[in-house]
Amino acid sequence: MNCIFCKIAAGEIPSRKVYEDDQVAVFHDIQPQAPVHLLVIPRKHIASLNDAAPEDAELLGRLLLAARKAAEDAGIAGSGYRVINNCGKDAGQVVFHIHLHVLGGEDLGPLLAPRA
């Protein structure tokens, strides 16, 4: 498979990992959008949330718990952080391997503002 996140999870491409276990890896984004910007990925290749199956429910839960742990370890859990999953091209998904963005370390402001 030619998936960059699969290669990072396998250790074939270097990354600044902050957490990993047998199912999940967490590492720093190379183009951070906040002082803390981590990516949480499953080792199993799932292209997007649309491709997740019922049998992936436990793994998806593990992703959220890994996001929480990463926020705690990064020292942003107390002040607040944002967890984002982009699903599909129109949502801004660039790497088609399901992943969560964990952003924090500053006041991120409201995510949604009224549209004009």
C-alpha atoms as a PDB file:
ATOM      1  CA  MET A   1       0.000   0.000   0.000  1.00  0.00           C
ATOM      2  CA  ASN A   2       1.250   3.467  -0.839  1.00  0.00           C
ATOM      3  CA  CYS A   3      -0.341   5.281   2.124  1.00  0.00           C
ATOM      4  CA  ILE A   4       1.909   7.770   3.923  1.00  0.00           C
ATOM      5  CA  PHE A   5       0.149   7.208   7.259  1.00  0.00           C
ATOM      6  CA  CYS A   6       0.480   3.420   6.938  1.00  0.00           C
ATOM      7  CA  LYS A   7       4.197   3.955   6.344  1.00  0.00           C
ATOM      8  CA  ILE A   8       4.481   6.259   9.361  1.00  0.00           C
ATOM      9  CA  ALA A   9       2.620   3.731  11.540  1.00  0.00           C
ATOM     10  CA  ALA A  10       4.985   0.993  10.345  1.00  0.00           C
ATOM     11  CA  GLY A  11       8.060   3.129  11.078  1.00  0.00           C
ATOM     12  CA  GLU A  12       9.057   3.285   7.400  1.00  0.00           C
ATOM     13  CA  ILE A  13       8.788   7.096   7.398  1.00  0.00           C
ATOM     14  CA  PRO A  14      10.152   9.016  10.375  1.00  0.00           C
ATOM     15  CA  SER A  15       7.793  11.082  12.497  1.00  0.00           C
ATOM     16  CA  ARG A  16       7.771  12.773  15.873  1.00  0.00           C
ATOM     17  CA  LYS A  17       5.647  10.149  17.607  1.00  0.00           C
ATOM     18  CA  VAL A  18       4.285  10.987  21.033  1.00  0.00           C
ATOM     19  CA  TYR A  19       2.321   7.796  21.643  1.00  0.00           C
ATOM     20  CA  GLU A  20       1.826   4.402  20.056  1.00  0.00           C
ATOM     21  CA  ASP A  21       0.385   1.050  20.905  1.00  0.00           C
ATOM     22  CA  ASP A  22      -0.540  -2.005  18.868  1.00  0.00           C
ATOM     23  CA  GLN A  23      -3.550  -0.274  17.253  1.00  0.00           C
ATOM     24  CA  VAL A  24      -2.926   3.498  17.295  1.00  0.00           C
ATOM     25  CA  ALA A  25      -0.120   5.983  16.647  1.00  0.00           C
ATOM     26  CA  VAL A  26       0.013   9.682  17.570  1.00  0.00           C
ATOM     27  CA  PHE A  27       2.530  12.090  16.089  1.00  0.00           C
ATOM     28  CA  HIS A  28       3.126  15.784  15.411  1.00  0.00           C
ATOM     29  CA  ASP A  29       1.657  17.253  12.225  1.00  0.00           C
ATOM     30  CA  ILE A  30       4.391  18.528   9.871  1.00  0.00           C
ATOM     31  CA  GLN A  31       2.269  21.599   9.023  1.00  0.00           C
ATOM     32  CA  PRO A  32       0.892  22.621  12.429  1.00  0.00           C
ATOM     33  CA  GLN A  33      -2.144  24.877  12.543  1.00  0.00           C
ATOM     34  CA  ALA A  34      -1.830  25.555  16.297  1.00  0.00           C
ATOM     35  CA  PRO A  35       0.978  25.472  18.892  1.00  0.00           C
ATOM     36  CA  VAL A  36       0.002  21.841  19.544  1.00  0.00           C
ATOM     37  CA  HIS A  37      -1.148  19.918  16.465  1.00  0.00           C
ATOM     38  CA  LEU A  38      -1.083  16.143  16.724  1.00  0.00           C
ATOM     39  CA  LEU A  39      -2.444  13.464  14.414  1.00  0.00           C
ATOM     40  CA  VAL A  40      -4.054  10.312  15.783  1.00  0.00           C
ATOM     41  CA  ILE A  41      -4.210   7.385  13.346  1.00  0.00           C
ATOM     42  CA  PRO A  42      -5.181   3.734  13.480  1.00  0.00           C
ATOM     43  CA  ARG A  43      -2.562   1.252  12.307  1.00  0.00           C
ATOM     44  CA  LYS A  44      -5.329  -0.404  10.291  1.00  0.00           C
ATOM     45  CA  HIS A  45      -5.906   1.360   6.986  1.00  0.00           C
ATOM     46  CA  ILE A  46      -9.392   2.842   6.791  1.00  0.00           C
ATOM     47  CA  ALA A  47      -9.629   5.519   4.088  1.00  0.00           C
ATOM     48  CA  SER A  48     -12.220   7.729   5.819  1.00  0.00           C
ATOM     49  CA  LEU A  49     -15.048   7.607   8.313  1.00  0.00           C
ATOM     50  CA  ASN A  50     -17.300   6.661   5.391  1.00  0.00           C
ATOM     51  CA  ASP A  51     -15.254   3.475   5.023  1.00  0.00           C
ATOM     52  CA  ALA A  52     -15.454   2.424   8.679  1.00  0.00           C
ATOM     53  CA  ALA A  53     -17.450  -0.724   9.332  1.00  0.00           C
ATOM     54  CA  PRO A  54     -19.389  -1.782  12.442  1.00  0.00           C
ATOM     55  CA  GLU A  55     -16.482  -4.029  13.418  1.00  0.00           C
ATOM     56  CA  ASP A  56     -14.269  -0.890  13.575  1.00  0.00           C
ATOM     57  CA  ALA A  57     -16.313   0.608  16.449  1.00  0.00           C
ATOM     58  CA  GLU A  58     -13.808  -0.366  19.150  1.00  0.00           C
ATOM     59  CA  LEU A  59     -10.891   0.968  17.092  1.00  0.00           C
ATOM     60  CA  LEU A  60     -12.701   4.284  16.540  1.00  0.00           C
ATOM     61  CA  GLY A  61     -13.218   4.543  20.294  1.00  0.00           C
ATOM     62  CA  ARG A  62      -9.519   3.879  20.826  1.00  0.00           C
ATOM     63  CA  LEU A  63      -8.739   6.806  18.505  1.00  0.00           C
ATOM     64  CA  LEU A  64     -10.771   9.150  20.697  1.00  0.00           C
ATOM     65  CA  LEU A  65      -9.159   7.856  23.893  1.00  0.00           C
ATOM     66  CA  ALA A  66      -5.707   8.246  22.306  1.00  0.00           C
ATOM     67  CA  ALA A  67      -6.635  11.837  21.386  1.00  0.00           C
ATOM     68  CA  ARG A  68      -7.544  12.496  25.027  1.00  0.00           C
ATOM     69  CA  LYS A  69      -4.276  10.956  26.246  1.00  0.00           C
ATOM     70  CA  ALA A  70      -2.273  12.959  23.708  1.00  0.00           C
ATOM     71  CA  ALA A  71      -3.961  16.187  24.879  1.00  0.00           C
ATOM     72  CA  GLU A  72      -3.227  15.314  28.517  1.00  0.00           C
ATOM     73  CA  ASP A  73       0.409  14.457  27.758  1.00  0.00           C
ATOM     74  CA  ALA A  74       0.814  17.689  25.750  1.00  0.00           C
ATOM     75  CA  GLY A  75      -0.522  19.704  28.690  1.00  0.00           C
ATOM     76  CA  ILE A  76      -3.561  21.101  26.866  1.00  0.00           C
ATOM     77  CA  ALA A  77      -6.359  19.007  28.357  1.00  0.00           C
ATOM     78  CA  GLY A  78      -7.054  21.478  31.159  1.00  0.00           C
ATOM     79  CA  SER A  79      -7.257  24.595  28.988  1.00  0.00           C
ATOM     80  CA  GLY A  80      -9.097  22.884  26.147  1.00  0.00           C
ATOM     81  CA  TYR A  81      -8.412  21.360  22.777  1.00  0.00           C
ATOM     82  CA  ARG A  82     -10.200  20.576  19.537  1.00  0.00           C
ATOM     83  CA  VAL A  83     -10.502  17.161  17.884  1.00  0.00           C
ATOM     84  CA  ILE A  84     -11.268  17.231  14.165  1.00  0.00           C
ATOM     85  CA  ASN A  85     -11.916  14.545  11.578  1.00  0.00           C
ATOM     86  CA  ASN A  86     -12.127  15.685   7.964  1.00  0.00           C
ATOM     87  CA  CYS A  87     -14.150  13.222   5.904  1.00  0.00           C
ATOM     88  CA  GLY A  88     -13.758  13.536   2.147  1.00  0.00           C
ATOM     89  CA  LYS A  89     -12.240  16.014  -0.269  1.00  0.00           C
ATOM     90  CA  ASP A  90     -14.795  18.788   0.262  1.00  0.00           C
ATOM     91  CA  ALA A  91     -14.156  18.663   4.018  1.00  0.00           C
ATOM     92  CA  GLY A  92     -10.426  19.106   3.468  1.00  0.00           C
ATOM     93  CA  GLN A  93      -9.257  15.509   3.836  1.00  0.00           C
ATOM     94  CA  VAL A  94      -5.884  15.304   2.115  1.00  0.00           C
ATOM     95  CA  VAL A  95      -4.542  11.946   3.329  1.00  0.00           C
ATOM     96  CA  PHE A  96      -7.090   9.202   2.795  1.00  0.00           C
ATOM     97  CA  HIS A  97      -6.339   7.251   5.957  1.00  0.00           C
ATOM     98  CA  ILE A  98      -8.756   8.117   8.752  1.00  0.00           C
ATOM     99  CA  HIS A  99      -7.158  10.408  11.311  1.00  0.00           C
ATOM    100  CA  LEU A 100      -7.989  12.867  14.049  1.00  0.00           C
ATOM    101  CA  HIS A 101      -6.370  16.271  14.429  1.00  0.00           C
ATOM    102  CA  VAL A 102      -5.784  17.332  18.049  1.00  0.00           C
ATOM    103  CA  LEU A 103      -5.285  21.102  18.214  1.00  0.00           C
ATOM    104  CA  GLY A 104      -4.613  23.324  21.199  1.00  0.00           C
ATOM    105  CA  GLY A 105      -2.125  25.395  23.098  1.00  0.00           C
ATOM    106  CA  GLU A 106      -3.941  28.677  22.432  1.00  0.00           C
ATOM    107  CA  ASP A 107      -7.465  30.086  22.343  1.00  0.00           C
ATOM    108  CA  LEU A 108      -8.860  28.543  19.167  1.00  0.00           C
ATOM    109  CA  GLY A 109     -12.058  30.566  19.299  1.00  0.00           C
ATOM    110  CA  PRO A 110     -15.400  29.236  18.125  1.00  0.00           C
ATOM    111  CA  LEU A 111     -15.262  26.662  15.370  1.00  0.00           C
ATOM    112  CA  LEU A 112     -18.519  27.648  13.785  1.00  0.00           C
ATOM    113  CA  ALA A 113     -19.552  31.233  13.216  1.00  0.00           C
ATOM    114  CA  PRO A 114     -22.805  32.402  11.662  1.00  0.00           C
ATOM    115  CA  ARG A 115     -22.651  32.470   7.892  1.00  0.00           C
ATOM    116  CA  ALA A 116     -23.321  35.760   6.167  1.00  0.00           C
END
